[in-house]
Protein backbone atom coordinates (compact mmCIF):
# COMPACT_ATOMS: atom_id res chain seq x y z
CA MET A 1 210.68 129.52 -6.65
CA TYR A 2 210.46 132.29 -3.86
CA ALA A 3 211.27 130.45 -0.78
CA PHE A 4 214.25 129.06 -2.29
CA ALA A 5 215.06 132.51 -3.23
CA ASP A 6 214.49 133.80 0.17
CA LYS A 7 216.92 130.82 1.28
CA LEU A 8 219.63 131.96 -1.06
CA LEU A 9 219.18 135.90 -0.37
CA GLU A 10 219.35 135.02 3.75
CA VAL A 11 222.46 133.18 3.09
CA THR A 12 224.09 135.79 0.88
CA GLU A 13 223.02 138.75 3.13
CA ARG A 14 224.09 136.65 6.37
CA HIS A 15 227.48 135.80 4.75
CA ALA A 16 227.90 139.14 2.56
CA ASP A 17 231.36 139.82 4.14
CA LYS A 18 232.79 135.93 3.84
CA ILE A 19 231.32 135.95 0.36
CA ALA A 20 232.73 139.30 -0.70
CA ALA A 21 236.39 138.41 0.92
CA GLN A 22 236.20 135.26 -1.53
CA TRP A 23 235.21 137.60 -4.26
CA CYS A 24 237.82 139.43 -3.28
CA LYS A 25 240.53 136.98 -3.32
CA SER A 26 239.53 135.72 -6.94
CA VAL A 27 239.43 139.41 -8.45
CA ARG A 28 242.45 140.33 -6.90
CA SER A 29 244.23 137.19 -8.75
CA ASN A 30 241.80 136.81 -11.90
CA PRO A 31 243.64 137.84 -14.98
CA HIS A 32 240.90 139.70 -16.57
CA THR A 33 240.64 141.94 -13.70
CA GLN A 34 244.18 143.56 -13.46
CA TRP A 35 242.93 146.99 -11.56
CA PHE A 36 241.88 145.02 -8.52
CA HIS A 37 245.50 143.31 -7.99
CA ASP A 38 246.83 146.52 -6.15
CA ARG A 39 244.11 147.01 -4.47
CA LYS A 40 243.77 146.36 -0.52
CA PRO A 41 241.66 143.46 0.84
CA ASP A 42 239.21 146.10 2.41
CA ASP A 43 238.98 148.59 -0.37
CA CYS A 44 238.51 145.38 -2.83
CA THR A 45 235.85 143.81 -0.55
CA ASN A 46 233.81 147.12 -0.15
CA PHE A 47 232.72 146.76 -3.99
CA ALA A 48 230.88 143.89 -3.39
CA LEU A 49 230.06 144.12 0.04
CA ASP A 50 227.18 146.71 -0.39
CA PHE A 51 225.42 144.55 -3.02
CA TYR A 52 225.48 141.66 -1.41
CA ARG A 53 223.80 142.91 1.85
CA ASN A 54 221.21 144.87 -0.35
CA PHE A 55 220.63 142.15 -3.17
CA ARG A 56 217.17 140.96 -1.66
CA VAL A 57 215.37 144.80 -1.97
CA VAL A 58 216.30 144.82 -6.01
CA TYR A 59 215.49 140.80 -6.17
CA PHE A 60 212.35 141.28 -5.05
CA ASP A 61 210.96 144.56 -5.78
CA GLU A 62 207.90 144.37 -7.94
CA LYS A 63 209.66 146.92 -10.35
CA PRO A 64 213.08 146.35 -9.81
CA TYR A 65 214.63 148.66 -12.82
CA LYS A 66 214.57 152.14 -10.92
CA LYS A 67 216.20 150.47 -7.82
CA LEU A 68 218.96 148.26 -10.45
CA GLU A 69 219.45 151.61 -12.99
CA LYS A 70 220.13 153.78 -9.43
CA TYR A 71 222.68 150.73 -8.27
CA PHE A 72 224.32 150.07 -11.14
CA ALA A 73 224.73 153.47 -12.36
CA ASP A 74 226.45 154.36 -8.53
CA TYR A 75 228.60 151.04 -9.14
CA ALA A 76 229.49 152.60 -12.63
CA GLU A 77 230.22 156.27 -11.40
CA GLU A 78 232.28 154.92 -8.64
CA SER A 79 234.26 152.73 -10.73
CA PHE A 80 235.02 155.26 -13.36
CA ARG A 81 235.98 157.78 -10.46
CA LYS A 82 238.54 155.16 -9.20
CA GLY A 83 239.83 154.46 -12.69
CA VAL A 84 238.51 150.88 -12.98
CA PRO A 85 238.39 149.86 -17.09
CA MET A 86 234.88 149.68 -18.07
CA GLU A 87 235.62 145.86 -19.42
CA GLU A 88 236.82 144.94 -15.51
CA ALA A 89 234.01 146.75 -13.53
CA ILE A 90 231.84 144.29 -16.00
CA TYR A 91 233.62 141.27 -15.23
CA ALA A 92 234.33 142.13 -11.36
CA LEU A 93 230.48 142.19 -11.86
CA ILE A 94 229.94 138.82 -13.36
CA MET A 95 232.21 137.55 -10.74
CA MET A 96 230.06 138.90 -7.82
CA ARG A 97 227.31 136.60 -9.53
CA ARG A 98 229.39 133.54 -10.21
CA HIS A 99 230.28 134.09 -6.09
CA ILE A 100 226.53 134.24 -4.71
CA TRP A 101 226.22 131.00 -6.43
CA LEU A 102 229.78 129.28 -5.89
CA TYR A 103 228.89 129.90 -1.79
CA ALA A 104 225.12 128.76 -2.03
CA ASP A 105 226.50 125.65 -3.74
CA PHE A 106 229.06 125.22 -0.82
CA GLN A 107 225.87 125.29 1.46
CA ALA A 108 224.43 122.77 0.22
CA LEU A 109 221.10 124.92 -0.70
CA PHE A 110 220.38 122.37 -3.63
CA VAL A 111 219.35 119.17 -1.90
CA THR A 112 216.60 117.76 -3.66
CA ALA A 113 215.45 117.82 -7.26
CA ILE A 114 212.89 120.44 -6.37
CA ASP A 115 215.37 122.46 -5.10
CA ALA A 116 217.76 122.16 -7.95
CA HIS A 117 214.44 123.57 -10.28
CA ARG A 118 213.65 126.05 -7.87
CA ALA A 119 217.51 126.83 -8.46
CA VAL A 120 217.43 127.63 -11.81
CA GLU A 121 214.26 129.44 -11.60
CA THR A 122 216.07 131.94 -9.11
CA LEU A 123 219.16 131.75 -11.01
CA ASN A 124 217.29 133.08 -14.27
CA ARG A 125 215.86 135.75 -12.07
CA THR A 126 219.39 136.72 -10.50
CA ILE A 127 221.37 136.47 -14.24
CA ARG A 128 218.16 139.19 -15.59
CA VAL A 129 219.29 141.34 -12.87
CA PHE A 130 223.04 141.17 -13.53
CA ASP A 131 222.25 141.65 -17.17
CA GLN A 132 220.42 144.96 -16.62
CA GLY A 133 223.16 145.96 -14.44
CA ILE A 134 225.35 145.39 -17.07
CA PHE A 135 223.49 147.63 -19.71
CA VAL A 136 223.02 150.49 -17.09
CA ILE A 137 227.15 149.96 -16.49
CA LEU A 138 227.77 150.35 -20.02
CA LYS A 139 225.59 153.12 -20.91
CA ARG A 140 226.67 155.09 -17.62
CA TYR A 141 230.34 154.77 -18.59
CA GLY A 142 229.73 155.94 -22.14
CA GLU A 143 228.09 159.28 -20.55
CA MET A 144 230.93 159.47 -18.22
CA ARG A 145 233.19 159.33 -21.14
CA LYS A 146 231.26 162.04 -22.99
CA GLY A 147 230.95 164.15 -19.89
CA LYS A 148 227.49 164.02 -19.40
CA ALA A 149 227.98 162.85 -15.63
């Protein structure tokens, strides 16, 4: 699994700017992410760029939850401060995950049946990372709304 994950994360890091730009284009036109529609491309891209560049650190950490919690709490706080509705911040995150895989698929990383099997394992771990992120964002938004910033 790790060889495939390495390949995926290397492509994600190396092409973070391209993936973030594609994500930005999508999020600026998606009906579920209205807040992003009027944002300048550079402002929009920065939401995803940092994550794509640092996903490896969270992905391979033996105990990733502390790093995940820090990253996603920061994401929630920044989104909250900027006025991004919570549901749009979450949907934008889901789109970030999707764009990792869209770009990987475009790069033809899944060539053999073994690669496909490893891709499924990697996808499962990626989903767990993002699911934990969604939980942290929901929790942090709730705390900030109650004034427990």
